C-alpha cells in the first residue's frame, strides 16, 4: 500500500472515530431521554455504560491515558513508537470531545507530532 493511501486511510479512520465520539457525547451523555430512562438501575445496559463513562470523564482517565501514551510514544523509537502515538490519538480524540479538552489537546498534539516525525537515520 502506498504511503499516501495509508495516510488517507488513517485520516478517514480518525475522522470516523471523532464522529463516533461526538455521537456518544450527544447521543448518550447529553440526551435528556437517558436521564429519565436511567432512573431505574440495571434496566438498560446503556445506562451502565453511561455511568462508567461518566466516572471515567470525572476522573479524567481517558485524557490522562492518552497523554501517557503520547509521552511514551515520544520515547519509543521506530514503528512501536508510531503505533503508540496512534493509540494515543485513539484515546485523545474522545478526550477532546468528552469534556477533558484541557489535557486531551496536549495528548493529541504530542501524538500528532510523533506520527509525522521523520525516522532517524542510522
C-alpha atoms as a PDB file:
ATOM      1  CA  UNK A   1       0.000   0.000   0.000  1.00  0.00           C
ATOM      2  CA  UNK A   2       1.411   3.416  -0.923  1.00  0.00           C
ATOM      3  CA  UNK A   3       2.265   5.941   1.733  1.00  0.00           C
ATOM      4  CA  UNK A   4      -0.371   8.439   0.592  1.00  0.00           C
ATOM      5  CA  UNK A   5      -3.062   5.756   0.634  1.00  0.00           C
ATOM      6  CA  UNK A   6      -2.047   4.796   4.175  1.00  0.00           C
ATOM      7  CA  UNK A   7      -2.288   8.434   5.237  1.00  0.00           C
ATOM      8  CA  UNK A   8      -5.731   8.764   3.641  1.00  0.00           C
ATOM      9  CA  UNK A   9      -6.993   5.607   5.368  1.00  0.00           C
ATOM     10  CA  UNK A  10      -5.598   6.842   8.690  1.00  0.00           C
ATOM     11  CA  UNK A  11      -7.285  10.231   8.301  1.00  0.00           C
ATOM     12  CA  UNK A  12     -10.600   8.602   7.378  1.00  0.00           C
ATOM     13  CA  UNK A  13     -10.383   6.322  10.407  1.00  0.00           C
ATOM     14  CA  UNK A  14      -9.614   9.244  12.728  1.00  0.00           C
ATOM     15  CA  UNK A  15     -12.457  11.314  11.251  1.00  0.00           C
ATOM     16  CA  UNK A  16     -14.857   8.412  11.784  1.00  0.00           C
ATOM     17  CA  UNK A  17     -13.586   7.949  15.329  1.00  0.00           C
ATOM     18  CA  UNK A  18     -14.127  11.653  16.019  1.00  0.00           C
ATOM     19  CA  UNK A  19     -17.674  11.419  14.644  1.00  0.00           C
ATOM     20  CA  UNK A  20     -18.343   8.368  16.818  1.00  0.00           C
ATOM     21  CA  UNK A  21     -17.064  10.281  19.858  1.00  0.00           C
ATOM     22  CA  UNK A  22     -19.489  13.107  19.127  1.00  0.00           C
ATOM     23  CA  UNK A  23     -22.234  10.525  18.711  1.00  0.00           C
ATOM     24  CA  UNK A  24     -21.506   9.166  22.184  1.00  0.00           C
ATOM     25  CA  UNK A  25     -21.429  12.656  23.656  1.00  0.00           C
ATOM     26  CA  UNK A  26     -24.667  13.934  22.156  1.00  0.00           C
ATOM     27  CA  UNK A  27     -26.499  10.631  21.801  1.00  0.00           C
ATOM     28  CA  UNK A  28     -25.721   9.081  25.177  1.00  0.00           C
ATOM     29  CA  UNK A  29     -24.225  11.571  27.593  1.00  0.00           C
ATOM     30  CA  UNK A  30     -26.252  14.719  26.868  1.00  0.00           C
ATOM     31  CA  UNK A  31     -29.521  13.302  25.577  1.00  0.00           C
ATOM     32  CA  UNK A  32     -32.271  14.137  28.073  1.00  0.00           C
ATOM     33  CA  UNK A  33     -34.201  10.914  27.486  1.00  0.00           C
ATOM     34  CA  UNK A  34     -31.409   8.859  29.082  1.00  0.00           C
ATOM     35  CA  UNK A  35     -31.791  10.799  32.322  1.00  0.00           C
ATOM     36  CA  UNK A  36     -35.339   9.515  32.681  1.00  0.00           C
ATOM     37  CA  UNK A  37     -34.568   6.016  31.421  1.00  0.00           C
ATOM     38  CA  UNK A  38     -31.609   5.580  33.761  1.00  0.00           C
ATOM     39  CA  UNK A  39     -33.543   6.250  36.967  1.00  0.00           C
ATOM     40  CA  UNK A  40     -34.104   2.509  37.396  1.00  0.00           C
ATOM     41  CA  UNK A  41     -30.752   0.796  37.981  1.00  0.00           C
ATOM     42  CA  UNK A  42     -29.978  -2.175  35.759  1.00  0.00           C
ATOM     43  CA  UNK A  43     -32.870  -1.582  33.370  1.00  0.00           C
ATOM     44  CA  UNK A  44     -30.758  -0.760  30.298  1.00  0.00           C
ATOM     45  CA  UNK A  45     -27.149  -1.698  29.564  1.00  0.00           C
ATOM     46  CA  UNK A  46     -26.664   1.759  28.048  1.00  0.00           C
ATOM     47  CA  UNK A  47     -27.223   3.255  31.499  1.00  0.00           C
ATOM     48  CA  UNK A  48     -24.335   1.215  32.884  1.00  0.00           C
ATOM     49  CA  UNK A  49     -22.105   2.353  30.010  1.00  0.00           C
ATOM     50  CA  UNK A  50     -23.193   5.945  30.597  1.00  0.00           C
ATOM     51  CA  UNK A  51     -22.423   5.646  34.297  1.00  0.00           C
ATOM     52  CA  UNK A  52     -18.978   4.134  33.771  1.00  0.00           C
ATOM     53  CA  UNK A  53     -18.144   6.659  31.079  1.00  0.00           C
ATOM     54  CA  UNK A  54     -19.233   9.435  33.425  1.00  0.00           C
ATOM     55  CA  UNK A  55     -16.852   8.149  36.087  1.00  0.00           C
ATOM     56  CA  UNK A  56     -14.051   7.950  33.528  1.00  0.00           C
ATOM     57  CA  UNK A  57     -14.745  11.527  32.484  1.00  0.00           C
ATOM     58  CA  UNK A  58     -14.925  12.729  36.084  1.00  0.00           C
ATOM     59  CA  UNK A  59     -11.555  11.232  36.946  1.00  0.00           C
ATOM     60  CA  UNK A  60     -10.122  12.194  33.509  1.00  0.00           C
ATOM     61  CA  UNK A  61      -8.957   8.634  32.832  1.00  0.00           C
ATOM     62  CA  UNK A  62      -9.247   8.887  29.055  1.00  0.00           C
ATOM     63  CA  UNK A  63      -7.279  12.123  28.844  1.00  0.00           C
ATOM     64  CA  UNK A  64      -4.506  11.045  31.206  1.00  0.00           C
ATOM     65  CA  UNK A  65      -4.235   7.697  29.433  1.00  0.00           C
ATOM     66  CA  UNK A  66      -3.881   9.469  26.089  1.00  0.00           C
ATOM     67  CA  UNK A  67      -1.273  11.839  27.473  1.00  0.00           C
ATOM     68  CA  UNK A  68       0.710   8.987  29.000  1.00  0.00           C
ATOM     69  CA  UNK A  69       0.667   7.069  25.719  1.00  0.00           C
ATOM     70  CA  UNK A  70       1.696  10.178  23.774  1.00  0.00           C
ATOM     71  CA  UNK A  71       4.608  10.831  26.116  1.00  0.00           C
ATOM     72  CA  UNK A  72       5.686   7.208  25.902  1.00  0.00           C
ATOM     73  CA  UNK A  73       5.455   7.367  22.105  1.00  0.00           C
ATOM     74  CA  UNK A  74       7.983  10.221  22.140  1.00  0.00           C
ATOM     75  CA  UNK A  75      10.495   7.975  23.872  1.00  0.00           C
ATOM     76  CA  UNK A  76       9.978   4.752  21.909  1.00  0.00           C
ATOM     77  CA  UNK A  77      11.773   4.563  18.579  1.00  0.00           C
ATOM     78  CA  UNK A  78      10.655   3.418  15.133  1.00  0.00           C
ATOM     79  CA  UNK A  79       7.397   1.544  14.479  1.00  0.00           C
ATOM     80  CA  UNK A  80       6.400   0.769  18.091  1.00  0.00           C
ATOM     81  CA  UNK A  81       6.527   4.486  18.887  1.00  0.00           C
ATOM     82  CA  UNK A  82       4.401   5.245  15.852  1.00  0.00           C
ATOM     83  CA  UNK A  83       1.788   2.699  16.955  1.00  0.00           C
ATOM     84  CA  UNK A  84       1.799   4.122  20.487  1.00  0.00           C
ATOM     85  CA  UNK A  85       1.194   7.587  19.033  1.00  0.00           C
ATOM     86  CA  UNK A  86      -1.715   6.232  17.007  1.00  0.00           C
ATOM     87  CA  UNK A  87      -3.156   4.625  20.146  1.00  0.00           C
ATOM     88  CA  UNK A  88      -2.716   7.954  21.953  1.00  0.00           C
ATOM     89  CA  UNK A  89      -4.766   9.606  19.202  1.00  0.00           C
ATOM     90  CA  UNK A  90      -7.447   6.944  19.568  1.00  0.00           C
ATOM     91  CA  UNK A  91      -7.747   7.886  23.253  1.00  0.00           C
ATOM     92  CA  UNK A  92      -7.049  11.595  22.738  1.00  0.00           C
ATOM     93  CA  UNK A  93      -9.844  12.380  20.304  1.00  0.00           C
ATOM     94  CA  UNK A  94     -12.615  11.201  22.657  1.00  0.00           C
ATOM     95  CA  UNK A  95     -10.847  13.083  25.457  1.00  0.00           C
ATOM     96  CA  UNK A  96     -11.210  16.274  23.407  1.00  0.00           C
ATOM     97  CA  UNK A  97     -14.896  15.637  22.821  1.00  0.00           C
ATOM     98  CA  UNK A  98     -15.842  14.231  26.230  1.00  0.00           C
ATOM     99  CA  UNK A  99     -15.219  17.226  28.479  1.00  0.00           C
ATOM    100  CA  UNK A 100     -11.460  16.839  29.121  1.00  0.00           C
ATOM    101  CA  UNK A 101     -10.092  19.013  26.335  1.00  0.00           C
ATOM    102  CA  UNK A 102      -7.549  20.772  28.558  1.00  0.00           C
ATOM    103  CA  UNK A 103      -5.464  17.602  28.911  1.00  0.00           C
ATOM    104  CA  UNK A 104      -6.589  15.879  25.726  1.00  0.00           C
ATOM    105  CA  UNK A 105      -5.291  18.655  23.496  1.00  0.00           C
ATOM    106  CA  UNK A 106      -1.725  18.063  24.712  1.00  0.00           C
ATOM    107  CA  UNK A 107      -2.058  14.354  24.045  1.00  0.00           C
ATOM    108  CA  UNK A 108      -3.392  14.918  20.521  1.00  0.00           C
ATOM    109  CA  UNK A 109      -0.658  17.430  19.672  1.00  0.00           C
ATOM    110  CA  UNK A 110       2.125  15.205  21.031  1.00  0.00           C
ATOM    111  CA  UNK A 111       0.745  12.138  19.275  1.00  0.00           C
ATOM    112  CA  UNK A 112       0.360  14.054  16.025  1.00  0.00           C
ATOM    113  CA  UNK A 113       3.926  15.316  16.237  1.00  0.00           C
ATOM    114  CA  UNK A 114       5.169  11.785  16.808  1.00  0.00           C
ATOM    115  CA  UNK A 115       3.177  10.483  13.838  1.00  0.00           C
ATOM    116  CA  UNK A 116       4.709  12.985  11.414  1.00  0.00           C
ATOM    117  CA  UNK A 117       8.262  12.794  12.775  1.00  0.00           C
ATOM    118  CA  UNK A 118      10.801  11.649  10.218  1.00  0.00           C
ATOM    119  CA  UNK A 119      12.601   8.425  11.102  1.00  0.00           C
ATOM    120  CA  UNK A 120      16.135   8.940  12.327  1.00  0.00           C
ATOM    121  CA  UNK A 121      18.999   7.975  10.032  1.00  0.00           C
ATOM    122  CA  UNK A 122      21.382   5.475  11.496  1.00  0.00           C
END
